[in-house]
Protein backbone atom coordinates (compact mmCIF):
# COMPACT_ATOMS: atom_id res chain seq x y z
CA MET A 1 17.18 24.70 14.15
CA SER A 2 14.56 24.96 11.32
CA THR A 3 11.16 26.68 12.56
CA LEU A 4 7.76 25.46 11.73
CA ARG A 5 7.43 28.54 8.94
CA THR A 6 10.84 26.72 7.21
CA LEU A 7 9.13 23.09 7.24
CA LYS A 8 6.38 24.46 5.34
CA GLY A 9 7.66 26.38 3.31
CA LEU A 10 9.60 22.39 2.17
CA VAL A 11 6.93 21.17 2.37
CA ASN A 12 5.12 23.19 0.06
CA ALA A 13 7.80 23.22 -2.69
CA LEU A 14 7.78 19.27 -3.04
CA ALA A 15 4.30 19.07 -3.32
CA ASP A 16 4.17 22.06 -5.99
CA THR A 17 7.08 20.64 -7.95
CA PHE A 18 5.94 17.29 -7.95
CA VAL A 19 2.88 17.80 -9.51
CA SER A 20 4.69 20.47 -12.24
CA ARG A 21 4.31 19.21 -15.77
CA ASN A 22 8.35 19.83 -15.69
CA ASN A 23 8.08 16.72 -13.38
CA ASP A 24 9.27 14.12 -15.77
CA VAL A 25 10.72 10.79 -15.87
CA PHE A 26 12.37 9.50 -19.08
CA GLY A 27 10.68 12.51 -20.61
CA TYR A 28 7.23 12.36 -19.86
CA TRP A 29 5.37 13.06 -17.52
CA ALA A 30 5.71 11.77 -13.82
CA MET A 31 2.28 11.33 -12.49
CA GLY A 32 1.28 9.70 -15.79
CA MET A 33 4.18 7.12 -15.42
CA LEU A 34 3.70 6.57 -11.61
CA TYR A 35 -0.14 5.75 -12.28
CA ARG A 36 0.36 3.89 -15.40
CA ASP A 37 2.90 1.95 -12.61
CA ALA A 38 -0.28 1.99 -9.52
CA ARG A 39 -2.55 0.45 -12.38
CA GLU A 40 0.21 -2.60 -13.55
CA SER A 41 0.97 -3.80 -9.64
CA GLY A 42 -2.63 -3.44 -9.10
CA LEU A 43 -2.19 -0.43 -6.18
CA GLU A 44 -4.50 2.95 -5.94
CA ALA A 45 -1.08 4.32 -4.09
CA ILE A 46 2.52 4.85 -4.03
CA GLU A 47 3.93 5.42 -0.97
CA MET A 48 8.15 7.17 -0.72
CA ASP A 49 10.46 7.08 1.52
CA LEU A 50 12.18 10.25 0.96
CA LEU A 51 14.73 9.79 3.68
CA GLY A 52 15.68 6.51 2.89
CA SER A 53 17.45 4.04 0.47
CA ASP A 54 15.77 3.05 -2.31
CA ASP A 55 13.27 0.61 -2.45
CA HIS A 56 14.77 -2.39 -4.24
CA ASP A 57 10.78 -3.12 -4.36
CA ALA A 58 9.78 -0.34 -6.23
CA SER A 59 9.51 -0.20 -10.52
CA VAL A 60 12.18 1.81 -11.84
CA VAL A 61 9.77 4.75 -12.22
CA VAL A 62 9.19 5.37 -8.66
CA ASP A 63 12.82 4.50 -7.74
CA HIS A 64 13.80 7.72 -10.80
CA VAL A 65 11.96 9.54 -8.74
CA SER A 66 12.59 8.97 -4.70
CA SER A 67 15.63 9.55 -5.45
CA ARG A 68 15.08 12.55 -7.44
CA TYR A 69 12.90 14.25 -4.31
CA ARG A 70 14.97 12.78 -1.93
CA ALA A 71 18.40 14.26 -3.68
CA ARG A 72 16.83 17.46 -3.25
CA LEU A 73 15.21 17.45 -0.18
CA ALA A 74 18.91 16.49 1.28
CA HIS A 75 19.79 19.94 -0.13
CA TRP A 76 17.28 21.83 0.45
CA CYS A 77 17.47 20.29 4.15
CA ASP A 78 21.56 21.39 4.30
CA SER A 79 21.01 24.70 3.04
CA ARG A 80 18.19 25.52 4.99
CA HIS A 81 20.03 24.12 8.69
CA VAL A 82 16.87 21.26 8.99
CA LYS A 83 17.38 18.10 10.02
CA LEU A 84 14.34 15.50 9.15
CA THR A 85 13.23 12.60 11.33
CA ARG A 86 10.79 11.90 8.42
CA ALA A 87 10.25 12.36 4.76
CA SER A 88 7.27 10.51 3.46
CA ALA A 89 5.75 11.37 -0.22
CA THR A 90 2.18 9.65 -1.41
CA ALA A 91 0.08 9.51 -4.28
CA ARG A 92 -3.39 8.28 -4.71
CA PHE A 93 -4.65 7.28 -7.97
CA ASN A 94 -8.16 6.87 -8.94
CA LEU A 95 -9.82 8.44 -6.19
CA PRO A 96 -13.74 9.32 -6.93
CA ASP A 97 -14.63 12.67 -9.02
CA SER A 98 -15.87 15.33 -6.98
CA GLY A 99 -16.97 16.86 -10.10
CA GLN A 100 -14.40 20.13 -9.84
CA ARG A 101 -13.26 20.02 -13.27
CA ARG A 102 -12.23 22.38 -15.98
CA ALA A 103 -13.40 21.19 -18.76
CA TRP A 104 -10.18 22.66 -21.51
CA ASN A 105 -6.86 21.30 -18.97
CA ASP A 106 -8.68 18.16 -17.01
CA PHE A 107 -8.81 14.95 -18.26
CA GLY A 108 -8.23 11.18 -16.74
CA GLU A 109 -8.67 10.31 -12.65
CA PRO A 110 -8.25 12.54 -10.16
CA TYR A 111 -5.07 12.03 -7.74
CA GLN A 112 -3.74 13.19 -5.14
CA VAL A 113 -0.04 14.05 -3.74
CA THR A 114 0.54 14.49 -0.21
CA PHE A 115 4.24 15.30 1.39
CA GLN A 116 4.34 15.10 4.57
CA LEU A 117 7.88 15.90 6.82
CA THR A 118 8.66 15.97 10.83
CA ASP A 119 12.36 17.38 12.32
CA ALA A 120 13.96 16.62 14.69
CA SER A 121 12.28 18.70 17.19
CA GLY A 122 8.86 17.07 16.09
CA ARG A 123 7.46 20.23 14.72
CA GLN A 124 5.13 18.62 11.31
CA ALA A 125 3.91 19.59 8.26
CA THR A 126 1.83 18.49 5.11
CA ALA A 127 1.15 19.86 2.32
CA SER A 128 -1.51 18.20 -0.84
CA ARG A 129 -2.07 18.73 -4.02
CA HIS A 130 -4.81 16.78 -6.56
CA GLY A 131 -5.71 17.14 -10.04
CA TRP A 132 -6.55 14.53 -13.16
CA CYS A 133 -4.17 12.90 -14.93
CA ARG A 134 -4.31 9.75 -17.36
CA VAL A 135 -2.33 6.20 -17.54
CA HIS A 136 0.99 6.65 -18.98
CA ASP A 137 0.50 5.42 -23.03
CA PRO A 138 3.55 7.19 -25.19
CA ALA A 139 1.36 7.00 -28.53
CA MET A 140 -0.69 9.52 -27.22
CA GLU A 141 2.28 11.96 -25.33
CA ILE A 142 4.74 13.79 -26.52
CA ARG A 143 7.77 13.32 -24.88
CA ARG A 144 10.17 16.38 -23.62
CA SER A 145 11.87 17.41 -25.94
CA ARG A 146 14.84 18.74 -23.98
CA TRP A 147 15.41 15.27 -22.17
CA GLY A 148 18.37 13.88 -23.48
CA GLY A 149 17.90 9.96 -23.32
CA ALA A 150 18.49 7.52 -25.86
């Protein structure tokens, strides 16, 4: 049986790793890739179910990210004996600018990522992270050298 402390630890770990520059898709930062997919689809938010199976209507990028986080969450829950009834991630893009930018590293438009977990006993934990990102553009970005893909 999980505790609220364990649930909060899981949800915060998910949020922290999701916005990390080490979260990449095909060698590029996942947030920029997701933003590109959202913009091309005319969406301001992308929602991912982290307990269900792959969404066959989703893009290749969304499928890649959600399946990786689904596996990560399953591993973490198994190792901590946590039974979840709901797990979701929502990435919202092109939010109103709060004006709290740091000129040396914040560029692009504001985004917010929110993770929500609910365990079998009904306890809920939520974690949000925000930042700024541009739409993915391979002409302006350098692919991660350790990517290993073709």
